[in-house]
Amino acid sequence: MATPTPEALELNRSVLEEITSKWSLLVLGCLCSGPMRFNALRRANEGITQKALTQCLRRLETNGFIIRSVVSTAPVAVVYEISPLGRSLEPHLRGILEWAEEHRGEVSAAQRAFAARDQ
């Protein structure tokens, strides 16, 4: 593999920053299961604020990872779904989320050990 140029490195960093922001992976993981409305996404991601979810969804939409659709029902509904670009992340995303699930105890233990060492 050739050494990337500084411009390519900056572009890669920018893309990685978008998909690894605090809530992005979790929101994308939810949307891999199917389209969801805002409040369903908020319930599925306990602890996320309305503002944080709004910002996350806008970033994901801006970068082409999700599609926002307005459904003309009474009342009008907004539905979010994963885009083809976002869907191409799914196998990698599932792997990261599964890894986090399997190893969260080890990470938590390491954090506690580190905190105890510093006291």
C-alpha atoms as a PDB file:
ATOM      1  CA  MET A   1       0.000   0.000   0.000  1.00  0.00           C
ATOM      2  CA  ALA A   2       1.412   3.376  -1.001  1.00  0.00           C
ATOM      3  CA  THR A   3       1.934   6.110   1.572  1.00  0.00           C
ATOM      4  CA  PRO A   4      -1.068   8.440   1.392  1.00  0.00           C
ATOM      5  CA  THR A   5      -0.538  12.081   0.561  1.00  0.00           C
ATOM      6  CA  PRO A   6      -1.220  14.694   3.244  1.00  0.00           C
ATOM      7  CA  GLU A   7      -4.407  15.632   1.364  1.00  0.00           C
ATOM      8  CA  ALA A   8      -5.610  12.017   1.343  1.00  0.00           C
ATOM      9  CA  LEU A   9      -4.808  11.659   5.037  1.00  0.00           C
ATOM     10  CA  GLU A  10      -6.849  14.768   5.820  1.00  0.00           C
ATOM     11  CA  LEU A  11      -9.806  13.464   3.781  1.00  0.00           C
ATOM     12  CA  ASN A  12      -9.603  10.069   5.508  1.00  0.00           C
ATOM     13  CA  ARG A  13      -9.470  11.764   8.917  1.00  0.00           C
ATOM     14  CA  SER A  14     -12.503  13.836   8.010  1.00  0.00           C
ATOM     15  CA  VAL A  15     -14.549  10.786   6.965  1.00  0.00           C
ATOM     16  CA  LEU A  16     -13.496   8.832  10.062  1.00  0.00           C
ATOM     17  CA  GLU A  17     -14.372  11.781  12.273  1.00  0.00           C
ATOM     18  CA  GLU A  18     -17.910  11.821  10.857  1.00  0.00           C
ATOM     19  CA  ILE A  19     -18.629   8.134  11.414  1.00  0.00           C
ATOM     20  CA  THR A  20     -16.961   7.888  14.822  1.00  0.00           C
ATOM     21  CA  SER A  21     -18.507  10.880  16.549  1.00  0.00           C
ATOM     22  CA  LYS A  22     -20.128  10.088  19.892  1.00  0.00           C
ATOM     23  CA  TRP A  23     -23.538   8.849  18.689  1.00  0.00           C
ATOM     24  CA  SER A  24     -23.025   8.142  14.975  1.00  0.00           C
ATOM     25  CA  LEU A  25     -22.177   4.438  15.190  1.00  0.00           C
ATOM     26  CA  LEU A  26     -25.093   3.729  17.511  1.00  0.00           C
ATOM     27  CA  VAL A  27     -27.580   5.669  15.368  1.00  0.00           C
ATOM     28  CA  LEU A  28     -26.330   3.979  12.198  1.00  0.00           C
ATOM     29  CA  GLY A  29     -26.571   0.621  13.956  1.00  0.00           C
ATOM     30  CA  CYS A  30     -30.238   1.290  14.741  1.00  0.00           C
ATOM     31  CA  LEU A  31     -30.987   2.350  11.184  1.00  0.00           C
ATOM     32  CA  CYS A  32     -29.396  -0.809   9.756  1.00  0.00           C
ATOM     33  CA  SER A  33     -32.440  -2.630  11.164  1.00  0.00           C
ATOM     34  CA  GLY A  34     -34.851  -0.449   9.213  1.00  0.00           C
ATOM     35  CA  PRO A  35     -36.257   3.079   8.887  1.00  0.00           C
ATOM     36  CA  MET A  36     -37.050   4.875  12.129  1.00  0.00           C
ATOM     37  CA  ARG A  37     -38.671   8.081  13.269  1.00  0.00           C
ATOM     38  CA  PHE A  38     -36.852  10.599  15.440  1.00  0.00           C
ATOM     39  CA  ASN A  39     -38.456   9.613  18.747  1.00  0.00           C
ATOM     40  CA  ALA A  40     -37.881   5.903  18.089  1.00  0.00           C
ATOM     41  CA  LEU A  41     -34.191   6.663  17.516  1.00  0.00           C
ATOM     42  CA  ARG A  42     -34.112   8.704  20.701  1.00  0.00           C
ATOM     43  CA  ARG A  43     -35.677   5.876  22.721  1.00  0.00           C
ATOM     44  CA  ALA A  44     -33.293   3.352  21.178  1.00  0.00           C
ATOM     45  CA  ASN A  45     -30.284   5.475  22.178  1.00  0.00           C
ATOM     46  CA  GLU A  46     -30.925   6.082  25.851  1.00  0.00           C
ATOM     47  CA  GLY A  47     -29.078   9.122  27.125  1.00  0.00           C
ATOM     48  CA  ILE A  48     -28.947  11.034  23.856  1.00  0.00           C
ATOM     49  CA  THR A  49     -30.438  14.498  24.035  1.00  0.00           C
ATOM     50  CA  GLN A  50     -32.786  15.874  21.420  1.00  0.00           C
ATOM     51  CA  LYS A  51     -30.122  18.379  20.388  1.00  0.00           C
ATOM     52  CA  ALA A  52     -27.381  15.740  20.123  1.00  0.00           C
ATOM     53  CA  LEU A  53     -29.615  13.433  18.052  1.00  0.00           C
ATOM     54  CA  THR A  54     -30.629  16.287  15.753  1.00  0.00           C
ATOM     55  CA  GLN A  55     -26.980  17.234  15.207  1.00  0.00           C
ATOM     56  CA  CYS A  56     -25.977  13.619  14.640  1.00  0.00           C
ATOM     57  CA  LEU A  57     -28.759  13.027  12.100  1.00  0.00           C
ATOM     58  CA  ARG A  58     -27.870  16.224  10.228  1.00  0.00           C
ATOM     59  CA  ARG A  59     -24.197  15.203  10.053  1.00  0.00           C
ATOM     60  CA  LEU A  60     -25.068  11.721   8.848  1.00  0.00           C
ATOM     61  CA  GLU A  61     -27.470  13.106   6.242  1.00  0.00           C
ATOM     62  CA  THR A  62     -24.990  15.780   5.101  1.00  0.00           C
ATOM     63  CA  ASN A  63     -22.339  13.113   4.563  1.00  0.00           C
ATOM     64  CA  GLY A  64     -24.666  10.773   2.683  1.00  0.00           C
ATOM     65  CA  PHE A  65     -24.931   8.004   5.293  1.00  0.00           C
ATOM     66  CA  ILE A  66     -28.681   8.369   5.868  1.00  0.00           C
ATOM     67  CA  ILE A  67     -31.746   9.599   4.013  1.00  0.00           C
ATOM     68  CA  ARG A  68     -34.371  11.821   5.633  1.00  0.00           C
ATOM     69  CA  SER A  69     -37.894  11.500   4.238  1.00  0.00           C
ATOM     70  CA  VAL A  70     -41.005  13.474   5.091  1.00  0.00           C
ATOM     71  CA  VAL A  71     -44.103  11.283   5.117  1.00  0.00           C
ATOM     72  CA  SER A  72     -47.324  13.129   4.449  1.00  0.00           C
ATOM     73  CA  THR A  73     -49.512  11.702   7.146  1.00  0.00           C
ATOM     74  CA  ALA A  74     -51.540  13.494   9.767  1.00  0.00           C
ATOM     75  CA  PRO A  75     -49.463  14.655  11.560  1.00  0.00           C
ATOM     76  CA  VAL A  76     -46.536  14.873   9.165  1.00  0.00           C
ATOM     77  CA  ALA A  77     -43.788  12.400  10.059  1.00  0.00           C
ATOM     78  CA  VAL A  78     -40.067  12.389   9.353  1.00  0.00           C
ATOM     79  CA  VAL A  79     -38.424   9.019   8.791  1.00  0.00           C
ATOM     80  CA  TYR A  80     -34.702   8.313   8.701  1.00  0.00           C
ATOM     81  CA  GLU A  81     -33.196   5.351   6.893  1.00  0.00           C
ATOM     82  CA  ILE A  82     -29.756   4.188   5.999  1.00  0.00           C
ATOM     83  CA  SER A  83     -28.553   5.129   2.508  1.00  0.00           C
ATOM     84  CA  PRO A  84     -26.687   2.805   0.131  1.00  0.00           C
ATOM     85  CA  LEU A  85     -23.435   4.466   1.264  1.00  0.00           C
ATOM     86  CA  GLY A  86     -24.375   3.905   4.904  1.00  0.00           C
ATOM     87  CA  ARG A  87     -25.395   0.322   4.124  1.00  0.00           C
ATOM     88  CA  SER A  88     -21.887  -0.315   2.752  1.00  0.00           C
ATOM     89  CA  LEU A  89     -20.620   0.352   6.298  1.00  0.00           C
ATOM     90  CA  GLU A  90     -22.952  -2.212   7.863  1.00  0.00           C
ATOM     91  CA  PRO A  91     -20.611  -5.234   8.059  1.00  0.00           C
ATOM     92  CA  HIS A  92     -17.862  -3.096   9.586  1.00  0.00           C
ATOM     93  CA  LEU A  93     -20.305  -1.311  11.863  1.00  0.00           C
ATOM     94  CA  ARG A  94     -21.775  -4.602  13.107  1.00  0.00           C
ATOM     95  CA  GLY A  95     -18.249  -5.864  13.802  1.00  0.00           C
ATOM     96  CA  ILE A  96     -17.371  -2.784  15.860  1.00  0.00           C
ATOM     97  CA  LEU A  97     -20.653  -2.874  17.794  1.00  0.00           C
ATOM     98  CA  GLU A  98     -20.295  -6.608  18.486  1.00  0.00           C
ATOM     99  CA  TRP A  99     -16.693  -6.083  19.608  1.00  0.00           C
ATOM    100  CA  ALA A 100     -17.819  -3.318  21.993  1.00  0.00           C
ATOM    101  CA  GLU A 101     -20.521  -5.597  23.414  1.00  0.00           C
ATOM    102  CA  GLU A 102     -18.093  -8.496  23.919  1.00  0.00           C
ATOM    103  CA  HIS A 103     -15.277  -6.433  25.436  1.00  0.00           C
ATOM    104  CA  ARG A 104     -17.018  -3.696  27.412  1.00  0.00           C
ATOM    105  CA  GLY A 105     -16.287  -5.495  30.672  1.00  0.00           C
ATOM    106  CA  GLU A 106     -12.571  -5.647  29.896  1.00  0.00           C
ATOM    107  CA  VAL A 107     -12.501  -1.978  28.924  1.00  0.00           C
ATOM    108  CA  SER A 108     -14.363  -1.041  32.096  1.00  0.00           C
ATOM    109  CA  ALA A 109     -11.937  -3.106  34.207  1.00  0.00           C
ATOM    110  CA  ALA A 110      -8.963  -1.411  32.528  1.00  0.00           C
ATOM    111  CA  GLN A 111     -10.476   2.010  33.239  1.00  0.00           C
ATOM    112  CA  ARG A 112     -10.998   1.129  36.909  1.00  0.00           C
ATOM    113  CA  ALA A 113      -7.432  -0.226  37.190  1.00  0.00           C
ATOM    114  CA  PHE A 114      -6.047   2.929  35.623  1.00  0.00           C
ATOM    115  CA  ALA A 115      -8.079   5.161  37.938  1.00  0.00           C
ATOM    116  CA  ALA A 116      -6.956   3.159  40.983  1.00  0.00           C
ATOM    117  CA  ARG A 117      -3.326   3.408  39.897  1.00  0.00           C
ATOM    118  CA  ASP A 118      -3.527   7.201  39.771  1.00  0.00           C
ATOM    119  CA  GLN A 119      -4.867   7.563  43.325  1.00  0.00           C
END
